[in-house]
Amino acid sequence: MDSASGETALERAFEAARQDAPVPDAHLMRRIMADAEEVQAGFAPAAPVGAPARRVRLGALLMEAVGGFRGLGGLAAASAFGLWLGLSPPQGLSDYALAFYGETGLGAASALDADYAYLASLGEL
């Protein structure tokens, strides 16, 4: 038997099987469809349940207002620099402040003495 006649015999067998295909009866098809509907009902979305009220913490609100950790880092760096600049201003900065504010300038926090004579010179507020 050569390959051409073997393929022809195989094709004839497939054609005969296609013509004699069994057809399922109506009772089997009803059971299959009932099972399919039951399975598909399990995929239906669940009824939405009222979400519980979410409590928002004050810290989370502040972090969001500042811009997260990046904003908080920038704010901390700027605050630290401002404090450092106020406690020990550069040499030329006090000259500009004196020219801007006059003789009764605000002065620097570093001008505070241990006995707080600087605060006494400001008078009572």
Foldseek 3Di string as FASTA:
>chain_A
DDPVVVVVVVVVVVVVCVVPPDDDDPVVVVVVVVVVVVVVVVVDDDDDDDDDDDDDDPVNVVCVVQPHPVSVVVVVVVVVVVVVCQQDPDPVVVVVQCVVVDPPGPDGPVPQDPVRVVVVVVPDD
